[in-house]
Amino acid sequence: MASLKKLRGEHCLNVFISYELKSRLGELAQKYDRTTADIVRAVLKIGIPMMEGISEAEEIMMREYIDLFRKLRQVRQLKE
């Protein structure tokens, strides 16, 4: 694996969010005595695998739906 050269600021990400979301993140930070940045990092670490799983599940669901549709079409053609 190629070595990663870390540049200053390269790991930063600026994201615009709603006031409501910012407020919720701030409330979580206060509740758990953490910084807002800590909460955002935790949410991202937890959320990324969840989104990957959801994406994979959607792909499987679409394949299954297409297969089911094809089978139904074949049954319909056999009846005709």
N, C-alpha and C. Protein backbone atom coordinates (compact mmCIF):
# COMPACT_ATOMS: atom_id res chain seq x y z
N MET A 1 0.84 -1.16 0.00
CA MET A 1 0.00 0.00 0.00
C MET A 1 0.89 1.23 0.00
N ALA A 2 0.55 2.22 -0.78
CA ALA A 2 1.32 3.45 -0.84
C ALA A 2 1.19 4.20 0.48
N SER A 3 2.28 4.80 0.89
CA SER A 3 2.22 5.56 2.14
C SER A 3 1.42 6.84 1.92
N LEU A 4 0.70 7.22 2.94
CA LEU A 4 -0.11 8.42 2.87
C LEU A 4 0.69 9.60 3.41
N LYS A 5 0.79 10.64 2.62
CA LYS A 5 1.46 11.85 3.07
C LYS A 5 0.39 12.78 3.60
N LYS A 6 0.43 13.05 4.87
CA LYS A 6 -0.59 13.89 5.49
C LYS A 6 -0.20 15.36 5.34
N LEU A 7 -1.07 16.10 4.70
CA LEU A 7 -0.87 17.53 4.56
C LEU A 7 -1.75 18.26 5.55
N ARG A 8 -1.26 19.36 6.05
CA ARG A 8 -2.03 20.12 7.02
C ARG A 8 -3.33 20.60 6.39
N GLY A 9 -4.43 20.33 7.08
CA GLY A 9 -5.73 20.77 6.60
C GLY A 9 -6.39 19.82 5.62
N GLU A 10 -5.66 18.83 5.14
CA GLU A 10 -6.22 17.91 4.15
C GLU A 10 -7.33 17.05 4.74
N HIS A 11 -7.31 16.86 6.03
CA HIS A 11 -8.30 16.01 6.70
C HIS A 11 -9.55 16.79 7.12
N CYS A 12 -9.59 18.07 6.82
CA CYS A 12 -10.73 18.90 7.23
C CYS A 12 -11.85 18.83 6.21
N LEU A 13 -13.08 19.01 6.71
CA LEU A 13 -14.25 18.98 5.85
C LEU A 13 -15.24 20.02 6.35
N ASN A 14 -15.63 20.93 5.48
CA ASN A 14 -16.62 21.93 5.84
C ASN A 14 -17.96 21.51 5.26
N VAL A 15 -18.96 21.46 6.11
CA VAL A 15 -20.29 21.01 5.69
C VAL A 15 -21.32 22.00 6.19
N PHE A 16 -22.21 22.42 5.32
CA PHE A 16 -23.30 23.30 5.73
C PHE A 16 -24.47 22.42 6.15
N ILE A 17 -25.00 22.70 7.34
CA ILE A 17 -26.13 21.93 7.87
C ILE A 17 -27.21 22.90 8.34
N SER A 18 -28.38 22.37 8.61
CA SER A 18 -29.48 23.22 9.08
C SER A 18 -29.24 23.61 10.53
N TYR A 19 -29.91 24.68 10.94
CA TYR A 19 -29.82 25.10 12.34
C TYR A 19 -30.36 24.03 13.27
N GLU A 20 -31.38 23.32 12.82
CA GLU A 20 -31.98 22.27 13.64
C GLU A 20 -30.98 21.15 13.90
N LEU A 21 -30.28 20.73 12.85
CA LEU A 21 -29.29 19.66 13.01
C LEU A 21 -28.14 20.12 13.89
N LYS A 22 -27.69 21.35 13.68
CA LYS A 22 -26.61 21.89 14.51
C LYS A 22 -27.04 21.92 15.97
N SER A 23 -28.28 22.29 16.21
CA SER A 23 -28.80 22.34 17.57
C SER A 23 -28.83 20.94 18.19
N ARG A 24 -29.29 19.96 17.42
CA ARG A 24 -29.35 18.58 17.92
C ARG A 24 -27.96 18.05 18.25
N LEU A 25 -26.99 18.35 17.39
CA LEU A 25 -25.61 17.91 17.65
C LEU A 25 -25.06 18.58 18.91
N GLY A 26 -25.38 19.87 19.07
CA GLY A 26 -24.94 20.59 20.27
C GLY A 26 -25.56 20.02 21.53
N GLU A 27 -26.85 19.67 21.46
CA GLU A 27 -27.53 19.08 22.61
C GLU A 27 -26.91 17.73 22.98
N LEU A 28 -26.60 16.92 21.97
CA LEU A 28 -25.94 15.63 22.24
C LEU A 28 -24.57 15.85 22.89
N ALA A 29 -23.84 16.83 22.39
CA ALA A 29 -22.52 17.12 22.94
C ALA A 29 -22.62 17.52 24.41
N GLN A 30 -23.59 18.35 24.73
CA GLN A 30 -23.78 18.75 26.13
C GLN A 30 -24.19 17.56 26.99
N LYS A 31 -25.14 16.78 26.47
CA LYS A 31 -25.66 15.65 27.23
C LYS A 31 -24.55 14.66 27.61
N TYR A 32 -23.64 14.41 26.68
CA TYR A 32 -22.58 13.42 26.91
C TYR A 32 -21.24 14.06 27.24
N ASP A 33 -21.25 15.35 27.53
CA ASP A 33 -20.04 16.08 27.93
C ASP A 33 -18.91 15.88 26.93
N ARG A 34 -19.22 16.11 25.69
CA ARG A 34 -18.25 15.99 24.59
C ARG A 34 -18.29 17.28 23.78
N THR A 35 -17.34 17.42 22.87
CA THR A 35 -17.39 18.55 21.95
C THR A 35 -18.32 18.19 20.80
N THR A 36 -18.78 19.21 20.12
CA THR A 36 -19.62 18.96 18.95
C THR A 36 -18.84 18.19 17.89
N ALA A 37 -17.56 18.49 17.76
CA ALA A 37 -16.72 17.77 16.79
C ALA A 37 -16.64 16.28 17.14
N ASP A 38 -16.54 15.96 18.43
CA ASP A 38 -16.52 14.56 18.84
C ASP A 38 -17.82 13.85 18.45
N ILE A 39 -18.94 14.54 18.66
CA ILE A 39 -20.23 13.96 18.31
C ILE A 39 -20.34 13.75 16.80
N VAL A 40 -19.91 14.73 16.02
CA VAL A 40 -19.97 14.61 14.56
C VAL A 40 -19.11 13.44 14.10
N ARG A 41 -17.90 13.33 14.65
CA ARG A 41 -17.02 12.21 14.27
C ARG A 41 -17.67 10.86 14.62
N ALA A 42 -18.28 10.78 15.80
CA ALA A 42 -18.93 9.53 16.22
C ALA A 42 -20.10 9.20 15.29
N VAL A 43 -20.90 10.20 14.97
CA VAL A 43 -22.06 9.98 14.08
C VAL A 43 -21.59 9.50 12.71
N LEU A 44 -20.53 10.09 12.20
CA LEU A 44 -20.01 9.65 10.89
C LEU A 44 -19.46 8.24 10.96
N LYS A 45 -18.71 7.93 12.02
CA LYS A 45 -18.15 6.57 12.14
C LYS A 45 -19.25 5.52 12.23
N ILE A 46 -20.33 5.85 12.90
CA ILE A 46 -21.45 4.92 13.03
C ILE A 46 -22.28 4.91 11.76
N GLY A 47 -22.50 6.07 11.19
CA GLY A 47 -23.41 6.22 10.05
C GLY A 47 -22.89 5.66 8.74
N ILE A 48 -21.59 5.74 8.51
CA ILE A 48 -21.04 5.27 7.24
C ILE A 48 -21.30 3.78 7.04
N PRO A 49 -20.97 2.91 8.01
CA PRO A 49 -21.27 1.49 7.81
C PRO A 49 -22.77 1.23 7.64
N MET A 50 -23.59 2.00 8.35
CA MET A 50 -25.04 1.83 8.20
C MET A 50 -25.48 2.17 6.78
N MET A 51 -24.97 3.27 6.25
CA MET A 51 -25.34 3.67 4.89
C MET A 51 -24.83 2.66 3.86
N GLU A 52 -23.64 2.13 4.09
CA GLU A 52 -23.12 1.11 3.18
C GLU A 52 -24.02 -0.12 3.20
N GLY A 53 -24.49 -0.49 4.39
CA GLY A 53 -25.40 -1.63 4.51
C GLY A 53 -26.72 -1.36 3.84
N ILE A 54 -27.23 -0.15 4.00
CA ILE A 54 -28.50 0.21 3.36
C ILE A 54 -28.35 0.19 1.85
N SER A 55 -27.24 0.71 1.36
CA SER A 55 -27.00 0.72 -0.08
C SER A 55 -26.94 -0.70 -0.62
N GLU A 56 -26.24 -1.56 0.09
CA GLU A 56 -26.14 -2.97 -0.33
C GLU A 56 -27.52 -3.63 -0.30
N ALA A 57 -28.30 -3.33 0.73
CA ALA A 57 -29.65 -3.90 0.84
C ALA A 57 -30.53 -3.41 -0.31
N GLU A 58 -30.41 -2.14 -0.68
CA GLU A 58 -31.19 -1.61 -1.80
C GLU A 58 -30.83 -2.32 -3.10
N GLU A 59 -29.54 -2.58 -3.30
CA GLU A 59 -29.10 -3.28 -4.51
C GLU A 59 -29.69 -4.69 -4.56
N ILE A 60 -29.64 -5.38 -3.44
CA ILE A 60 -30.21 -6.74 -3.38
C ILE A 60 -31.71 -6.69 -3.63
N MET A 61 -32.38 -5.73 -3.01
CA MET A 61 -33.82 -5.60 -3.17
C MET A 61 -34.18 -5.35 -4.64
N MET A 62 -33.43 -4.50 -5.32
CA MET A 62 -33.71 -4.22 -6.72
C MET A 62 -33.50 -5.47 -7.58
N ARG A 63 -32.42 -6.20 -7.33
CA ARG A 63 -32.17 -7.43 -8.10
C ARG A 63 -33.30 -8.43 -7.89
N GLU A 64 -33.71 -8.59 -6.64
CA GLU A 64 -34.80 -9.53 -6.33
C GLU A 64 -36.10 -9.08 -6.98
N TYR A 65 -36.38 -7.80 -6.96
CA TYR A 65 -37.60 -7.26 -7.56
C TYR A 65 -37.60 -7.51 -9.07
N ILE A 66 -36.46 -7.29 -9.71
CA ILE A 66 -36.35 -7.51 -11.16
C ILE A 66 -36.55 -8.99 -11.48
N ASP A 67 -35.93 -9.86 -10.68
CA ASP A 67 -36.10 -11.31 -10.89
C ASP A 67 -37.56 -11.72 -10.73
N LEU A 68 -38.21 -11.19 -9.69
CA LEU A 68 -39.62 -11.49 -9.46
C LEU A 68 -40.48 -11.00 -10.62
N PHE A 69 -40.21 -9.80 -11.09
CA PHE A 69 -40.96 -9.24 -12.22
C PHE A 69 -40.79 -10.12 -13.45
N ARG A 70 -39.58 -10.60 -13.72
CA ARG A 70 -39.34 -11.46 -14.88
C ARG A 70 -40.10 -12.78 -14.75
N LYS A 71 -40.11 -13.35 -13.55
CA LYS A 71 -40.83 -14.60 -13.32
C LYS A 71 -42.33 -14.41 -13.50
N LEU A 72 -42.85 -13.30 -13.00
CA LEU A 72 -44.28 -13.02 -13.18
C LEU A 72 -44.63 -12.84 -14.66
N ARG A 73 -43.75 -12.20 -15.40
CA ARG A 73 -43.99 -12.01 -16.83
C ARG A 73 -43.99 -13.37 -17.54
N GLN A 74 -43.07 -14.27 -17.16
CA GLN A 74 -43.02 -15.59 -17.78
C GLN A 74 -44.29 -16.38 -17.47
N VAL A 75 -44.77 -16.30 -16.23
CA VAL A 75 -46.00 -16.99 -15.85
C VAL A 75 -47.17 -16.44 -16.65
N ARG A 76 -47.23 -15.14 -16.79
CA ARG A 76 -48.31 -14.50 -17.54
C ARG A 76 -48.28 -14.95 -19.01
N GLN A 77 -47.07 -15.04 -19.60
CA GLN A 77 -46.95 -15.48 -20.99
C GLN A 77 -47.36 -16.94 -21.14
N LEU A 78 -47.06 -17.77 -20.14
CA LEU A 78 -47.45 -19.17 -20.21
C LEU A 78 -48.97 -19.32 -20.18
N LYS A 79 -49.64 -18.47 -19.42
CA LYS A 79 -51.10 -18.53 -19.30
C LYS A 79 -51.78 -18.12 -20.60
N GLU A 80 -51.14 -17.28 -21.39
CA GLU A 80 -51.74 -16.79 -22.63
C GLU A 80 -51.61 -17.79 -23.71
